[in-house]
């Protein structure tokens, strides 16, 4: 599992790193976005499925997003 915390720096959190993480077999990629720089969600979870990341539903993982 990789957890990233979004800061005020410009970057591509959801882009180029994902291919590398998939190559080494990281099952979950989590983005914590306290200041909501990437959208309305504070927490985004991606699950590796068939060599690519799909956004996971938090409730399916036993996580209450509220």
C-alpha atoms as a PDB file:
ATOM      1  CA  UNK A   1       0.000   0.000   0.000  1.00  0.00           C
ATOM      2  CA  UNK A   2       1.169   3.481  -0.869  1.00  0.00           C
ATOM      3  CA  UNK A   3      -0.375   6.502   0.850  1.00  0.00           C
ATOM      4  CA  UNK A   4       0.220   9.972  -0.546  1.00  0.00           C
ATOM      5  CA  UNK A   5      -0.676  13.208   1.166  1.00  0.00           C
ATOM      6  CA  UNK A   6      -1.497  16.026  -1.235  1.00  0.00           C
ATOM      7  CA  UNK A   7       0.285  19.283  -0.492  1.00  0.00           C
ATOM      8  CA  UNK A   8       0.043  22.663  -2.134  1.00  0.00           C
ATOM      9  CA  UNK A   9       2.830  21.745  -4.574  1.00  0.00           C
ATOM     10  CA  UNK A  10       2.031  21.184  -8.222  1.00  0.00           C
ATOM     11  CA  UNK A  11       2.298  17.545  -9.165  1.00  0.00           C
ATOM     12  CA  UNK A  12       0.638  14.677 -10.934  1.00  0.00           C
ATOM     13  CA  UNK A  13      -0.384  12.510  -7.991  1.00  0.00           C
ATOM     14  CA  UNK A  14      -2.729  10.332  -9.995  1.00  0.00           C
ATOM     15  CA  UNK A  15      -0.645  10.051 -13.128  1.00  0.00           C
ATOM     16  CA  UNK A  16       2.865   8.886 -13.824  1.00  0.00           C
ATOM     17  CA  UNK A  17       3.529   7.167 -10.490  1.00  0.00           C
ATOM     18  CA  UNK A  18       0.667   4.706 -10.911  1.00  0.00           C
ATOM     19  CA  UNK A  19       2.332   2.801 -13.754  1.00  0.00           C
ATOM     20  CA  UNK A  20       5.431   2.275 -11.632  1.00  0.00           C
ATOM     21  CA  UNK A  21       3.422   1.150  -8.621  1.00  0.00           C
ATOM     22  CA  UNK A  22       1.481  -1.310 -10.794  1.00  0.00           C
ATOM     23  CA  UNK A  23       4.746  -2.719 -12.192  1.00  0.00           C
ATOM     24  CA  UNK A  24       6.023  -3.543  -8.712  1.00  0.00           C
ATOM     25  CA  UNK A  25       2.665  -4.923  -7.561  1.00  0.00           C
ATOM     26  CA  UNK A  26       1.387  -2.309  -5.102  1.00  0.00           C
ATOM     27  CA  UNK A  27      -2.193  -3.469  -4.463  1.00  0.00           C
ATOM     28  CA  UNK A  28      -3.607  -0.221  -3.054  1.00  0.00           C
ATOM     29  CA  UNK A  29      -2.815   3.423  -3.751  1.00  0.00           C
ATOM     30  CA  UNK A  30      -4.393   5.917  -1.348  1.00  0.00           C
ATOM     31  CA  UNK A  31      -4.521   9.688  -1.789  1.00  0.00           C
ATOM     32  CA  UNK A  32      -5.302  11.839   1.260  1.00  0.00           C
ATOM     33  CA  UNK A  33      -6.315  15.313   0.115  1.00  0.00           C
ATOM     34  CA  UNK A  34      -7.084  17.361   3.235  1.00  0.00           C
ATOM     35  CA  UNK A  35      -7.269  20.661   1.327  1.00  0.00           C
ATOM     36  CA  UNK A  36      -9.258  19.065  -1.526  1.00  0.00           C
ATOM     37  CA  UNK A  37      -6.818  20.166  -4.232  1.00  0.00           C
ATOM     38  CA  UNK A  38      -7.839  17.239  -6.477  1.00  0.00           C
ATOM     39  CA  UNK A  39     -11.598  17.437  -5.982  1.00  0.00           C
ATOM     40  CA  UNK A  40     -14.263  17.093  -3.314  1.00  0.00           C
ATOM     41  CA  UNK A  41     -13.066  13.819  -1.806  1.00  0.00           C
ATOM     42  CA  UNK A  42     -10.709  13.842   1.172  1.00  0.00           C
ATOM     43  CA  UNK A  43      -9.706  10.235   0.602  1.00  0.00           C
ATOM     44  CA  UNK A  44      -9.370   8.369  -2.677  1.00  0.00           C
ATOM     45  CA  UNK A  45      -8.474   4.676  -2.792  1.00  0.00           C
ATOM     46  CA  UNK A  46      -7.364   2.842  -5.907  1.00  0.00           C
ATOM     47  CA  UNK A  47      -7.068  -0.934  -6.171  1.00  0.00           C
ATOM     48  CA  UNK A  48      -4.796  -2.784  -8.595  1.00  0.00           C
ATOM     49  CA  UNK A  49      -6.903  -4.986 -10.881  1.00  0.00           C
ATOM     50  CA  UNK A  50      -5.518  -6.646 -14.016  1.00  0.00           C
ATOM     51  CA  UNK A  51      -2.376  -4.462 -13.969  1.00  0.00           C
ATOM     52  CA  UNK A  52      -4.220  -1.139 -13.748  1.00  0.00           C
ATOM     53  CA  UNK A  53      -5.738   0.888 -10.936  1.00  0.00           C
ATOM     54  CA  UNK A  54      -9.467   1.222 -10.486  1.00  0.00           C
ATOM     55  CA  UNK A  55     -11.020   3.543  -7.959  1.00  0.00           C
ATOM     56  CA  UNK A  56     -12.268   1.448  -5.047  1.00  0.00           C
ATOM     57  CA  UNK A  57     -15.504   2.110  -3.245  1.00  0.00           C
ATOM     58  CA  UNK A  58     -14.597   2.949   0.335  1.00  0.00           C
ATOM     59  CA  UNK A  59     -17.624   1.212   1.804  1.00  0.00           C
ATOM     60  CA  UNK A  60     -16.640  -2.026   0.010  1.00  0.00           C
ATOM     61  CA  UNK A  61     -13.307  -1.838   1.838  1.00  0.00           C
ATOM     62  CA  UNK A  62     -14.999  -1.362   5.217  1.00  0.00           C
ATOM     63  CA  UNK A  63     -14.147   2.356   5.371  1.00  0.00           C
ATOM     64  CA  UNK A  64     -16.766   4.964   6.202  1.00  0.00           C
ATOM     65  CA  UNK A  65     -15.765   8.122   4.291  1.00  0.00           C
ATOM     66  CA  UNK A  66     -17.701  10.321   6.731  1.00  0.00           C
END
